[in-house]
């Protein structure tokens, strides 16, 4: 098991713990700042591999024509476009208007609806989606258990939940990956966006996220079944999947 803190959402400002309201404001400010260069930074930080991860994610999600899919924290729309290309009717929900503004400009003719909303309080009816996805967004919610409960609520019985997120790499890779995260990513953020503090937050949020086993347990605790995961790039990222009973 990971030796990370037991509370994966216990962000701090220095030695001071951050309240949920402060965390929400911090996340909102961060993504407002990084929105114009967000996809470029993802390319630089992952050496372009995040695009392969998202294609695999969409393949495992396997949306069918006519299905209704909800992509949470889907701001720039890259995952939503992959789902829409497979025939799903896709709704993007994201609390960042700035991120969705970038996504709308890139969406083209894809059948995507855009809704400003946080994962902890979704403005959708019970059992209204066949599929819910979230890629690199679950670690930014203020209450992970509440967000997972909302995801379960809006899924139809038998509906699928998939989450793509940074995770815990193999032990042999962890030292080099940790050094890259702590040094290269903030430096790239400063060079590309001029906002090193935003990328320091993103690195911190990755480091605090539960490992594969711990996150699997969180999903199961909310009442999902068929919970499992697939590691990507030796565990740097992982796709978690589950089903609403």
C-alpha atoms as a PDB file:
ATOM      1  CA  UNK A   1       0.000   0.000   0.000  1.00  0.00           C
ATOM      2  CA  UNK A   2       1.026   3.616  -0.486  1.00  0.00           C
ATOM      3  CA  UNK A   3       2.551   5.571   2.398  1.00  0.00           C
ATOM      4  CA  UNK A   4       0.770   8.726   1.249  1.00  0.00           C
ATOM      5  CA  UNK A   5      -1.393  10.710   3.697  1.00  0.00           C
ATOM      6  CA  UNK A   6      -4.682   8.995   4.532  1.00  0.00           C
ATOM      7  CA  UNK A   7      -6.645  12.090   3.477  1.00  0.00           C
ATOM      8  CA  UNK A   8      -5.870  12.505  -0.242  1.00  0.00           C
ATOM      9  CA  UNK A   9      -7.669  15.855  -0.364  1.00  0.00           C
ATOM     10  CA  UNK A  10      -5.878  17.475   2.570  1.00  0.00           C
ATOM     11  CA  UNK A  11      -4.167  20.217   0.599  1.00  0.00           C
ATOM     12  CA  UNK A  12      -2.071  22.701   2.536  1.00  0.00           C
ATOM     13  CA  UNK A  13      -0.834  26.246   2.174  1.00  0.00           C
ATOM     14  CA  UNK A  14       2.580  25.757   3.696  1.00  0.00           C
ATOM     15  CA  UNK A  15       1.851  24.092   7.040  1.00  0.00           C
ATOM     16  CA  UNK A  16      -1.805  25.198   7.125  1.00  0.00           C
ATOM     17  CA  UNK A  17      -4.596  22.892   6.032  1.00  0.00           C
ATOM     18  CA  UNK A  18      -6.905  24.259   3.352  1.00  0.00           C
ATOM     19  CA  UNK A  19     -10.668  24.350   3.862  1.00  0.00           C
ATOM     20  CA  UNK A  20     -12.948  22.936   1.123  1.00  0.00           C
ATOM     21  CA  UNK A  21     -13.934  26.499   0.166  1.00  0.00           C
ATOM     22  CA  UNK A  22     -10.298  27.599  -0.132  1.00  0.00           C
ATOM     23  CA  UNK A  23      -9.491  24.488  -2.141  1.00  0.00           C
ATOM     24  CA  UNK A  24     -12.412  25.156  -4.501  1.00  0.00           C
ATOM     25  CA  UNK A  25     -11.189  28.729  -5.042  1.00  0.00           C
ATOM     26  CA  UNK A  26      -7.608  27.532  -5.542  1.00  0.00           C
ATOM     27  CA  UNK A  27      -8.678  25.011  -8.193  1.00  0.00           C
ATOM     28  CA  UNK A  28     -10.846  27.618  -9.952  1.00  0.00           C
ATOM     29  CA  UNK A  29      -8.003  30.150 -10.072  1.00  0.00           C
ATOM     30  CA  UNK A  30      -5.540  27.515 -11.246  1.00  0.00           C
ATOM     31  CA  UNK A  31      -7.613  26.398 -14.223  1.00  0.00           C
ATOM     32  CA  UNK A  32      -8.613  29.929 -15.161  1.00  0.00           C
ATOM     33  CA  UNK A  33      -4.904  30.671 -15.461  1.00  0.00           C
ATOM     34  CA  UNK A  34      -3.820  27.533 -17.323  1.00  0.00           C
ATOM     35  CA  UNK A  35      -6.823  27.160 -19.681  1.00  0.00           C
ATOM     36  CA  UNK A  36      -5.278  28.797 -22.790  1.00  0.00           C
ATOM     37  CA  UNK A  37      -2.184  26.571 -22.661  1.00  0.00           C
ATOM     38  CA  UNK A  38      -3.611  23.534 -20.876  1.00  0.00           C
ATOM     39  CA  UNK A  39      -3.418  21.046 -23.760  1.00  0.00           C
ATOM     40  CA  UNK A  40       0.015  22.278 -24.827  1.00  0.00           C
ATOM     41  CA  UNK A  41       1.279  21.779 -21.291  1.00  0.00           C
ATOM     42  CA  UNK A  42      -0.192  18.288 -21.199  1.00  0.00           C
ATOM     43  CA  UNK A  43       1.727  17.488 -24.365  1.00  0.00           C
ATOM     44  CA  UNK A  44       4.969  18.813 -22.890  1.00  0.00           C
ATOM     45  CA  UNK A  45       4.525  17.270 -19.432  1.00  0.00           C
ATOM     46  CA  UNK A  46       3.683  13.798 -20.772  1.00  0.00           C
ATOM     47  CA  UNK A  47       5.753  13.963 -23.975  1.00  0.00           C
ATOM     48  CA  UNK A  48       2.477  13.538 -25.839  1.00  0.00           C
ATOM     49  CA  UNK A  49       1.640  10.211 -24.184  1.00  0.00           C
ATOM     50  CA  UNK A  50      -1.556  11.601 -22.610  1.00  0.00           C
ATOM     51  CA  UNK A  51      -3.179  11.460 -26.063  1.00  0.00           C
ATOM     52  CA  UNK A  52      -2.516   7.712 -26.278  1.00  0.00           C
ATOM     53  CA  UNK A  53      -3.875   7.278 -22.740  1.00  0.00           C
ATOM     54  CA  UNK A  54      -7.090   9.102 -23.697  1.00  0.00           C
ATOM     55  CA  UNK A  55      -7.555   7.014 -26.831  1.00  0.00           C
ATOM     56  CA  UNK A  56      -7.253   3.871 -24.735  1.00  0.00           C
ATOM     57  CA  UNK A  57      -9.686   5.419 -22.247  1.00  0.00           C
ATOM     58  CA  UNK A  58     -12.272   6.044 -24.978  1.00  0.00           C
ATOM     59  CA  UNK A  59     -11.799   2.505 -26.302  1.00  0.00           C
ATOM     60  CA  UNK A  60     -12.492   1.005 -22.876  1.00  0.00           C
ATOM     61  CA  UNK A  61     -15.466   3.341 -22.364  1.00  0.00           C
ATOM     62  CA  UNK A  62     -16.895   1.851 -25.574  1.00  0.00           C
ATOM     63  CA  UNK A  63     -19.786   4.295 -26.053  1.00  0.00           C
ATOM     64  CA  UNK A  64     -22.433   3.015 -28.428  1.00  0.00           C
ATOM     65  CA  UNK A  65     -24.472   5.084 -30.887  1.00  0.00           C
ATOM     66  CA  UNK A  66     -27.449   6.581 -29.130  1.00  0.00           C
ATOM     67  CA  UNK A  67     -25.983   6.336 -25.633  1.00  0.00           C
ATOM     68  CA  UNK A  68     -25.869   9.433 -23.430  1.00  0.00           C
ATOM     69  CA  UNK A  69     -22.449  10.109 -21.928  1.00  0.00           C
ATOM     70  CA  UNK A  70     -21.355  12.617 -19.287  1.00  0.00           C
ATOM     71  CA  UNK A  71     -17.719  13.734 -19.310  1.00  0.00           C
ATOM     72  CA  UNK A  72     -16.875  15.390 -16.005  1.00  0.00           C
ATOM     73  CA  UNK A  73     -14.093  17.961 -15.709  1.00  0.00           C
ATOM     74  CA  UNK A  74     -13.971  17.708 -19.477  1.00  0.00           C
ATOM     75  CA  UNK A  75     -13.182  21.384 -20.080  1.00  0.00           C
ATOM     76  CA  UNK A  76     -11.165  21.386 -23.297  1.00  0.00           C
ATOM     77  CA  UNK A  77     -13.294  18.594 -24.746  1.00  0.00           C
ATOM     78  CA  UNK A  78     -10.595  16.200 -25.937  1.00  0.00           C
ATOM     79  CA  UNK A  79     -12.188  13.147 -24.310  1.00  0.00           C
ATOM     80  CA  UNK A  80     -15.706  14.330 -25.177  1.00  0.00           C
ATOM     81  CA  UNK A  81     -14.769  14.539 -28.867  1.00  0.00           C
ATOM     82  CA  UNK A  82     -13.454  10.966 -28.788  1.00  0.00           C
ATOM     83  CA  UNK A  83     -16.721   9.760 -27.242  1.00  0.00           C
ATOM     84  CA  UNK A  84     -18.857  11.759 -29.678  1.00  0.00           C
ATOM     85  CA  UNK A  85     -16.894  10.339 -32.621  1.00  0.00           C
ATOM     86  CA  UNK A  86     -18.103   6.883 -31.543  1.00  0.00           C
ATOM     87  CA  UNK A  87     -21.743   7.937 -31.746  1.00  0.00           C
ATOM     88  CA  UNK A  88     -22.552   8.963 -28.170  1.00  0.00           C
ATOM     89  CA  UNK A  89     -24.461  12.106 -27.268  1.00  0.00           C
ATOM     90  CA  UNK A  90     -22.027  13.818 -24.906  1.00  0.00           C
ATOM     91  CA  UNK A  91     -22.493  16.354 -22.124  1.00  0.00           C
ATOM     92  CA  UNK A  92     -19.399  18.053 -20.718  1.00  0.00           C
ATOM     93  CA  UNK A  93     -19.707  19.281 -17.135  1.00  0.00           C
ATOM     94  CA  UNK A  94     -16.887  21.409 -15.758  1.00  0.00           C
ATOM     95  CA  UNK A  95     -16.754  24.108 -13.059  1.00  0.00           C
ATOM     96  CA  UNK A  96     -14.309  26.177 -15.128  1.00  0.00           C
ATOM     97  CA  UNK A  97     -15.965  28.448 -17.686  1.00  0.00           C
ATOM     98  CA  UNK A  98     -12.504  29.341 -19.002  1.00  0.00           C
ATOM     99  CA  UNK A  99     -11.649  25.715 -19.759  1.00  0.00           C
ATOM    100  CA  UNK A 100     -14.990  25.107 -21.476  1.00  0.00           C
ATOM    101  CA  UNK A 101     -14.551  28.247 -23.581  1.00  0.00           C
ATOM    102  CA  UNK A 102     -11.406  26.660 -25.007  1.00  0.00           C
ATOM    103  CA  UNK A 103     -13.285  23.396 -25.543  1.00  0.00           C
ATOM    104  CA  UNK A 104     -16.207  25.043 -27.339  1.00  0.00           C
ATOM    105  CA  UNK A 105     -13.857  26.685 -29.824  1.00  0.00           C
ATOM    106  CA  UNK A 106     -12.344  23.299 -30.678  1.00  0.00           C
ATOM    107  CA  UNK A 107     -15.469  21.151 -30.679  1.00  0.00           C
ATOM    108  CA  UNK A 108     -16.449  21.824 -34.296  1.00  0.00           C
ATOM    109  CA  UNK A 109     -19.591  19.959 -35.285  1.00  0.00           C
ATOM    110  CA  UNK A 110     -19.311  17.315 -32.565  1.00  0.00           C
ATOM    111  CA  UNK A 111     -22.566  16.687 -30.689  1.00  0.00           C
ATOM    112  CA  UNK A 112     -21.442  18.100 -27.349  1.00  0.00           C
ATOM    113  CA  UNK A 113     -23.433  20.026 -24.745  1.00  0.00           C
ATOM    114  CA  UNK A 114     -21.558  22.199 -22.239  1.00  0.00           C
ATOM    115  CA  UNK A 115     -22.709  22.661 -18.632  1.00  0.00           C
ATOM    116  CA  UNK A 116     -20.912  24.629 -15.935  1.00  0.00           C
ATOM    117  CA  UNK A 117     -21.118  22.368 -12.897  1.00  0.00           C
ATOM    118  CA  UNK A 118     -18.967  20.720 -10.235  1.00  0.00           C
ATOM    119  CA  UNK A 119     -18.839  16.957  -9.807  1.00  0.00           C
ATOM    120  CA  UNK A 120     -20.033  17.256  -6.200  1.00  0.00           C
ATOM    121  CA  UNK A 121     -23.370  18.841  -7.226  1.00  0.00           C
ATOM    122  CA  UNK A 122     -24.472  17.674 -10.668  1.00  0.00           C
ATOM    123  CA  UNK A 123     -27.590  19.371 -12.113  1.00  0.00           C
ATOM    124  CA  UNK A 124     -28.868  16.201 -13.755  1.00  0.00           C
ATOM    125  CA  UNK A 125     -31.723  13.840 -12.958  1.00  0.00           C
ATOM    126  CA  UNK A 126     -31.165  10.455 -11.363  1.00  0.00           C
ATOM    127  CA  UNK A 127     -30.284   7.627 -13.744  1.00  0.00           C
ATOM    128  CA  UNK A 128     -29.942   9.912 -16.769  1.00  0.00           C
ATOM    129  CA  UNK A 129     -26.655   8.694 -18.331  1.00  0.00           C
ATOM    130  CA  UNK A 130     -25.405   5.400 -19.743  1.00  0.00           C
ATOM    131  CA  UNK A 131     -21.772   6.362 -19.249  1.00  0.00           C
ATOM    132  CA  UNK A 132     -19.864   8.783 -17.005  1.00  0.00           C
ATOM    133  CA  UNK A 133     -16.193   9.537 -17.608  1.00  0.00           C
ATOM    134  CA  UNK A 134     -13.671  11.783 -15.904  1.00  0.00           C
ATOM    135  CA  UNK A 135     -10.077  12.234 -17.047  1.00  0.00           C
ATOM    136  CA  UNK A 136      -7.521  13.952 -14.827  1.00  0.00           C
ATOM    137  CA  UNK A 137     -10.236  15.688 -12.827  1.00  0.00           C
ATOM    138  CA  UNK A 138     -11.246  13.553  -9.860  1.00  0.00           C
ATOM    139  CA  UNK A 139      -8.166  14.605  -7.892  1.00  0.00           C
ATOM    140  CA  UNK A 140      -9.355  18.234  -7.967  1.00  0.00           C
ATOM    141  CA  UNK A 141     -12.753  17.726  -6.331  1.00  0.00           C
ATOM    142  CA  UNK A 142     -13.256  18.959  -2.773  1.00  0.00           C
ATOM    143  CA  UNK A 143     -15.079  15.810  -1.575  1.00  0.00           C
ATOM    144  CA  UNK A 144     -14.223  12.681  -3.495  1.00  0.00           C
ATOM    145  CA  UNK A 145     -16.855  10.543  -1.769  1.00  0.00           C
ATOM    146  CA  UNK A 146     -19.570  13.083  -2.631  1.00  0.00           C
ATOM    147  CA  UNK A 147     -18.422  13.297  -6.255  1.00  0.00           C
ATOM    148  CA  UNK A 148     -18.399   9.508  -6.614  1.00  0.00           C
ATOM    149  CA  UNK A 149     -21.865   9.369  -5.062  1.00  0.00           C
ATOM    150  CA  UNK A 150     -23.138  11.917  -7.575  1.00  0.00           C
ATOM    151  CA  UNK A 151     -21.629   9.914 -10.419  1.00  0.00           C
ATOM    152  CA  UNK A 152     -23.428   6.798  -9.189  1.00  0.00           C
ATOM    153  CA  UNK A 153     -26.690   8.744  -8.826  1.00  0.00           C
ATOM    154  CA  UNK A 154     -26.778  10.026 -12.417  1.00  0.00           C
ATOM    155  CA  UNK A 155     -25.850   6.670 -13.946  1.00  0.00           C
ATOM    156  CA  UNK A 156     -28.602   4.344 -15.087  1.00  0.00           C
ATOM    157  CA  UNK A 157     -28.631   0.842 -13.533  1.00  0.00           C
ATOM    158  CA  UNK A 158     -25.940  -1.082 -15.362  1.00  0.00           C
ATOM    159  CA  UNK A 159     -24.297   2.179 -16.460  1.00  0.00           C
ATOM    160  CA  UNK A 160     -20.524   2.456 -16.701  1.00  0.00           C
ATOM    161  CA  UNK A 161     -18.088   4.731 -14.880  1.00  0.00           C
ATOM    162  CA  UNK A 162     -14.522   5.209 -16.083  1.00  0.00           C
ATOM    163  CA  UNK A 163     -11.843   7.408 -14.546  1.00  0.00           C
ATOM    164  CA  UNK A 164      -8.426   8.202 -16.017  1.00  0.00           C
ATOM    165  CA  UNK A 165      -6.045   9.661 -13.474  1.00  0.00           C
ATOM    166  CA  UNK A 166      -2.396   9.901 -12.531  1.00  0.00           C
ATOM    167  CA  UNK A 167      -1.494   7.119 -10.141  1.00  0.00           C
ATOM    168  CA  UNK A 168       1.477   5.382  -8.487  1.00  0.00           C
ATOM    169  CA  UNK A 169       4.240   4.199 -10.847  1.00  0.00           C
ATOM    170  CA  UNK A 170       6.280   1.059 -10.318  1.00  0.00           C
ATOM    171  CA  UNK A 171       8.912   1.306  -7.588  1.00  0.00           C
ATOM    172  CA  UNK A 172      11.792   1.266 -10.057  1.00  0.00           C
ATOM    173  CA  UNK A 173      10.284   4.219 -11.906  1.00  0.00           C
ATOM    174  CA  UNK A 174       9.055   6.253  -8.928  1.00  0.00           C
ATOM    175  CA  UNK A 175      12.309   8.150  -8.117  1.00  0.00           C
ATOM    176  CA  UNK A 176      12.842   9.396 -11.669  1.00  0.00           C
ATOM    177  CA  UNK A 177       9.149  10.197 -12.115  1.00  0.00           C
ATOM    178  CA  UNK A 178       9.081  12.077  -8.799  1.00  0.00           C
ATOM    179  CA  UNK A 179      12.105  14.156  -9.795  1.00  0.00           C
ATOM    180  CA  UNK A 180      10.520  14.968 -13.172  1.00  0.00           C
ATOM    181  CA  UNK A 181       7.269  16.008 -11.508  1.00  0.00           C
ATOM    182  CA  UNK A 182       8.868  18.192  -8.851  1.00  0.00           C
ATOM    183  CA  UNK A 183      11.329  19.980 -11.114  1.00  0.00           C
ATOM    184  CA  UNK A 184      10.521  19.753 -14.819  1.00  0.00           C
ATOM    185  CA  UNK A 185       6.757  20.283 -14.693  1.00  0.00           C
ATOM    186  CA  UNK A 186       6.824  23.562 -12.688  1.00  0.00           C
ATOM    187  CA  UNK A 187       9.695  24.790 -14.875  1.00  0.00           C
ATOM    188  CA  UNK A 188       7.721  24.019 -18.038  1.00  0.00           C
ATOM    189  CA  UNK A 189       4.690  25.722 -16.529  1.00  0.00           C
ATOM    190  CA  UNK A 190       6.700  28.841 -15.849  1.00  0.00           C
ATOM    191  CA  UNK A 191       8.181  28.863 -19.349  1.00  0.00           C
ATOM    192  CA  UNK A 192       4.928  28.267 -21.240  1.00  0.00           C
ATOM    193  CA  UNK A 193       2.328  30.030 -19.105  1.00  0.00           C
ATOM    194  CA  UNK A 194       4.406  32.241 -16.824  1.00  0.00           C
ATOM    195  CA  UNK A 195       2.508  30.771 -13.844  1.00  0.00           C
ATOM    196  CA  UNK A 196       4.791  28.407 -11.956  1.00  0.00           C
ATOM    197  CA  UNK A 197       2.485  28.382  -8.903  1.00  0.00           C
ATOM    198  CA  UNK A 198      -0.387  26.849 -10.879  1.00  0.00           C
ATOM    199  CA  UNK A 199       1.758  23.921 -11.967  1.00  0.00           C
ATOM    200  CA  UNK A 200       3.152  23.458  -8.475  1.00  0.00           C
ATOM    201  CA  UNK A 201      -0.462  22.939  -7.382  1.00  0.00           C
ATOM    202  CA  UNK A 202      -1.052  20.410 -10.172  1.00  0.00           C
ATOM    203  CA  UNK A 203       2.072  18.464  -9.167  1.00  0.00           C
ATOM    204  CA  UNK A 204       0.967  18.504  -5.523  1.00  0.00           C
ATOM    205  CA  UNK A 205      -2.501  17.237  -6.448  1.00  0.00           C
ATOM    206  CA  UNK A 206      -0.938  14.302  -8.320  1.00  0.00           C
ATOM    207  CA  UNK A 207       1.324  13.424  -5.395  1.00  0.00           C
ATOM    208  CA  UNK A 208      -1.604  13.426  -2.944  1.00  0.00           C
ATOM    209  CA  UNK A 209      -3.893  11.229  -5.019  1.00  0.00           C
ATOM    210  CA  UNK A 210      -4.575   7.700  -3.684  1.00  0.00           C
ATOM    211  CA  UNK A 211      -2.735   4.801  -5.261  1.00  0.00           C
ATOM    212  CA  UNK A 212      -4.501   2.214  -7.397  1.00  0.00           C
ATOM    213  CA  UNK A 213      -5.654  -0.031  -4.552  1.00  0.00           C
ATOM    214  CA  UNK A 214      -6.826   2.827  -2.369  1.00  0.00           C
ATOM    215  CA  UNK A 215      -8.823   4.488  -5.145  1.00  0.00           C
ATOM    216  CA  UNK A 216     -10.385   1.162  -6.118  1.00  0.00           C
ATOM    217  CA  UNK A 217     -11.545   0.817  -2.511  1.00  0.00           C
ATOM    218  CA  UNK A 218     -13.060   4.329  -2.557  1.00  0.00           C
ATOM    219  CA  UNK A 219     -15.074   3.525  -5.694  1.00  0.00           C
ATOM    220  CA  UNK A 220     -16.332   0.248  -4.243  1.00  0.00           C
ATOM    221  CA  UNK A 221     -17.274   1.922  -0.950  1.00  0.00           C
ATOM    222  CA  UNK A 222     -19.764   4.184  -2.771  1.00  0.00           C
ATOM    223  CA  UNK A 223     -21.649   1.138  -4.057  1.00  0.00           C
ATOM    224  CA  UNK A 224     -20.176   0.453  -7.501  1.00  0.00           C
ATOM    225  CA  UNK A 225     -19.640  -3.109  -8.685  1.00  0.00           C
ATOM    226  CA  UNK A 226     -17.188  -4.709 -11.138  1.00  0.00           C
ATOM    227  CA  UNK A 227     -14.508  -2.290  -9.948  1.00  0.00           C
ATOM    228  CA  UNK A 228     -11.084  -2.704 -11.508  1.00  0.00           C
ATOM    229  CA  UNK A 229      -8.198  -0.820 -13.049  1.00  0.00           C
ATOM    230  CA  UNK A 230      -5.665  -0.946 -15.869  1.00  0.00           C
ATOM    231  CA  UNK A 231      -2.237   0.627 -15.437  1.00  0.00           C
ATOM    232  CA  UNK A 232      -0.802   2.830 -18.173  1.00  0.00           C
ATOM    233  CA  UNK A 233       2.896   3.534 -18.691  1.00  0.00           C
ATOM    234  CA  UNK A 234       3.967   1.373 -15.740  1.00  0.00           C
ATOM    235  CA  UNK A 235       1.425   2.930 -13.389  1.00  0.00           C
ATOM    236  CA  UNK A 236       2.116   6.614 -14.056  1.00  0.00           C
ATOM    237  CA  UNK A 237      -1.572   6.750 -14.903  1.00  0.00           C
ATOM    238  CA  UNK A 238      -4.416   4.281 -14.467  1.00  0.00           C
ATOM    239  CA  UNK A 239      -7.894   3.760 -15.851  1.00  0.00           C
ATOM    240  CA  UNK A 240     -10.421   2.722 -13.221  1.00  0.00           C
ATOM    241  CA  UNK A 241     -13.693   1.196 -14.332  1.00  0.00           C
ATOM    242  CA  UNK A 242     -16.890   0.265 -12.491  1.00  0.00           C
ATOM    243  CA  UNK A 243     -20.584  -0.278 -13.005  1.00  0.00           C
ATOM    244  CA  UNK A 244     -23.695   0.917 -11.215  1.00  0.00           C
ATOM    245  CA  UNK A 245     -25.612  -2.162 -10.055  1.00  0.00           C
END
